[in-house]
Amino acid sequence: MTNEQALMALSKDKFDEAGVAAIAENNADELEKTIRTWFNKVESKYFISGRLVRHVANNAKFFRPLEHKADRWIKDCADRGCSILSIQFGVWVG
């Protein structure tokens, strides 16, 4: 399943297992880079990665295929997710 197909499936059902799995598998490297950018020392990379995939799934309803490229949209959404997590965990970039 492509990122665009996964986002479309998740926009209809944010719990779509195939869509969540595709986002996690297709974007594992990019999610890891984003995590490393925001969090210098990551003991719970898998926890944060899971939270980011869930963040993307929850926000897939805002994806518009005619306006966005799926890969870029996922990267931006993951970056916003890390921003939220950094505030929740009290971790700042810098």
C-alpha atoms as a PDB file:
ATOM      1  CA  MET A   1       0.000   0.000   0.000  1.00  0.00           C
ATOM      2  CA  THR A   2       1.362   3.420  -0.901  1.00  0.00           C
ATOM      3  CA  ASN A   3       1.435   6.344   1.502  1.00  0.00           C
ATOM      4  CA  GLU A   4      -1.376   8.031  -0.392  1.00  0.00           C
ATOM      5  CA  GLN A   5      -3.535   4.895  -0.277  1.00  0.00           C
ATOM      6  CA  ALA A   6      -2.806   4.509   3.430  1.00  0.00           C
ATOM      7  CA  LEU A   7      -3.748   8.125   4.148  1.00  0.00           C
ATOM      8  CA  MET A   8      -6.961   7.774   2.164  1.00  0.00           C
ATOM      9  CA  ALA A   9      -7.876   4.623   4.094  1.00  0.00           C
ATOM     10  CA  LEU A  10      -7.044   6.314   7.403  1.00  0.00           C
ATOM     11  CA  SER A  11      -9.044   9.392   6.469  1.00  0.00           C
ATOM     12  CA  LYS A  12     -12.113   7.141   6.395  1.00  0.00           C
ATOM     13  CA  ASP A  13     -11.167   4.994   9.399  1.00  0.00           C
ATOM     14  CA  LYS A  14      -8.328   6.165  11.636  1.00  0.00           C
ATOM     15  CA  PHE A  15      -8.058   2.636  13.048  1.00  0.00           C
ATOM     16  CA  ASP A  16      -7.513   0.974   9.648  1.00  0.00           C
ATOM     17  CA  GLU A  17      -4.838  -1.624  10.470  1.00  0.00           C
ATOM     18  CA  ALA A  18      -3.446  -1.889   6.957  1.00  0.00           C
ATOM     19  CA  GLY A  19      -3.149   1.893   6.701  1.00  0.00           C
ATOM     20  CA  VAL A  20      -1.407   2.222  10.065  1.00  0.00           C
ATOM     21  CA  ALA A  21       0.991  -0.602   9.178  1.00  0.00           C
ATOM     22  CA  ALA A  22       1.772   0.942   5.784  1.00  0.00           C
ATOM     23  CA  ILE A  23       2.520   4.344   7.328  1.00  0.00           C
ATOM     24  CA  ALA A  24       4.827   2.723   9.903  1.00  0.00           C
ATOM     25  CA  GLU A  25       6.641   0.526   7.362  1.00  0.00           C
ATOM     26  CA  ASN A  26       6.888   2.997   4.477  1.00  0.00           C
ATOM     27  CA  ASN A  27       8.140   5.834   6.660  1.00  0.00           C
ATOM     28  CA  ALA A  28      10.276   4.107   9.296  1.00  0.00           C
ATOM     29  CA  ASP A  29      13.507   5.837   8.257  1.00  0.00           C
ATOM     30  CA  GLU A  30      11.906   9.253   7.931  1.00  0.00           C
ATOM     31  CA  LEU A  31      10.160   8.915  11.295  1.00  0.00           C
ATOM     32  CA  GLU A  32      13.456   7.924  12.923  1.00  0.00           C
ATOM     33  CA  LYS A  33      15.176  11.002  11.436  1.00  0.00           C
ATOM     34  CA  THR A  34      12.398  13.222  12.720  1.00  0.00           C
ATOM     35  CA  ILE A  35      12.638  11.661  16.178  1.00  0.00           C
ATOM     36  CA  ARG A  36      16.418  12.190  16.242  1.00  0.00           C
ATOM     37  CA  THR A  37      15.948  15.819  15.193  1.00  0.00           C
ATOM     38  CA  TRP A  38      13.592  16.540  18.068  1.00  0.00           C
ATOM     39  CA  PHE A  39      14.923  14.249  20.776  1.00  0.00           C
ATOM     40  CA  ASN A  40      18.694  13.946  21.213  1.00  0.00           C
ATOM     41  CA  LYS A  41      18.602  10.999  23.593  1.00  0.00           C
ATOM     42  CA  VAL A  42      15.860   8.538  22.784  1.00  0.00           C
ATOM     43  CA  GLU A  43      15.458   5.573  25.084  1.00  0.00           C
ATOM     44  CA  SER A  44      11.899   4.935  23.976  1.00  0.00           C
ATOM     45  CA  LYS A  45      12.198   5.341  20.210  1.00  0.00           C
ATOM     46  CA  TYR A  46       9.531   2.709  19.598  1.00  0.00           C
ATOM     47  CA  PHE A  47       7.094   4.450  21.926  1.00  0.00           C
ATOM     48  CA  ILE A  48       7.621   7.791  20.192  1.00  0.00           C
ATOM     49  CA  SER A  49       7.469   6.196  16.747  1.00  0.00           C
ATOM     50  CA  GLY A  50       4.177   4.551  17.664  1.00  0.00           C
ATOM     51  CA  ARG A  51       2.817   7.863  18.927  1.00  0.00           C
ATOM     52  CA  LEU A  52       3.841   9.563  15.665  1.00  0.00           C
ATOM     53  CA  VAL A  53       2.169   6.901  13.530  1.00  0.00           C
ATOM     54  CA  ARG A  54      -0.977   7.300  15.648  1.00  0.00           C
ATOM     55  CA  HIS A  55      -0.723  11.106  15.241  1.00  0.00           C
ATOM     56  CA  VAL A  56      -0.548  10.697  11.447  1.00  0.00           C
ATOM     57  CA  ALA A  57      -3.502   8.285  11.501  1.00  0.00           C
ATOM     58  CA  ASN A  58      -5.593  10.639  13.636  1.00  0.00           C
ATOM     59  CA  ASN A  59      -4.870  13.563  11.313  1.00  0.00           C
ATOM     60  CA  ALA A  60      -5.227  11.727   7.990  1.00  0.00           C
ATOM     61  CA  LYS A  61      -8.697  13.236   7.608  1.00  0.00           C
ATOM     62  CA  PHE A  62      -6.939  16.520   6.823  1.00  0.00           C
ATOM     63  CA  PHE A  63      -4.898  15.026   3.950  1.00  0.00           C
ATOM     64  CA  ARG A  64      -6.020  16.321   0.542  1.00  0.00           C
ATOM     65  CA  PRO A  65      -4.447  14.371  -2.335  1.00  0.00           C
ATOM     66  CA  LEU A  66      -4.985  17.189  -4.835  1.00  0.00           C
ATOM     67  CA  GLU A  67      -3.256  19.692  -2.555  1.00  0.00           C
ATOM     68  CA  HIS A  68      -0.577  17.618  -0.810  1.00  0.00           C
ATOM     69  CA  LYS A  69       2.077  15.070  -1.695  1.00  0.00           C
ATOM     70  CA  ALA A  70       1.617  12.140   0.675  1.00  0.00           C
ATOM     71  CA  ASP A  71       5.302  11.754   1.615  1.00  0.00           C
ATOM     72  CA  ARG A  72       5.720  15.445   2.406  1.00  0.00           C
ATOM     73  CA  TRP A  73       2.408  15.577   4.291  1.00  0.00           C
ATOM     74  CA  ILE A  74       3.460  12.630   6.487  1.00  0.00           C
ATOM     75  CA  LYS A  75       6.848  14.242   7.199  1.00  0.00           C
ATOM     76  CA  ASP A  76       5.211  17.538   8.168  1.00  0.00           C
ATOM     77  CA  CYS A  77       2.597  15.764  10.284  1.00  0.00           C
ATOM     78  CA  ALA A  78       5.288  13.753  12.088  1.00  0.00           C
ATOM     79  CA  ASP A  79       7.218  16.969  12.733  1.00  0.00           C
ATOM     80  CA  ARG A  80       4.109  18.552  14.275  1.00  0.00           C
ATOM     81  CA  GLY A  81       3.619  15.382  16.325  1.00  0.00           C
ATOM     82  CA  CYS A  82       7.170  15.631  17.682  1.00  0.00           C
ATOM     83  CA  SER A  83       6.565  19.263  18.538  1.00  0.00           C
ATOM     84  CA  ILE A  84       3.516  18.257  20.573  1.00  0.00           C
ATOM     85  CA  LEU A  85       5.388  15.390  22.250  1.00  0.00           C
ATOM     86  CA  SER A  86       8.314  17.640  23.123  1.00  0.00           C
ATOM     87  CA  ILE A  87       5.940  19.960  24.959  1.00  0.00           C
ATOM     88  CA  GLN A  88       4.199  17.059  26.696  1.00  0.00           C
ATOM     89  CA  PHE A  89       7.508  15.529  27.785  1.00  0.00           C
ATOM     90  CA  GLY A  90       9.153  18.875  28.557  1.00  0.00           C
ATOM     91  CA  VAL A  91      11.937  18.321  26.015  1.00  0.00           C
ATOM     92  CA  TRP A  92      13.131  21.206  23.894  1.00  0.00           C
ATOM     93  CA  VAL A  93      15.210  21.156  20.738  1.00  0.00           C
ATOM     94  CA  GLY A  94      18.507  22.858  21.033  1.00  0.00           C
END
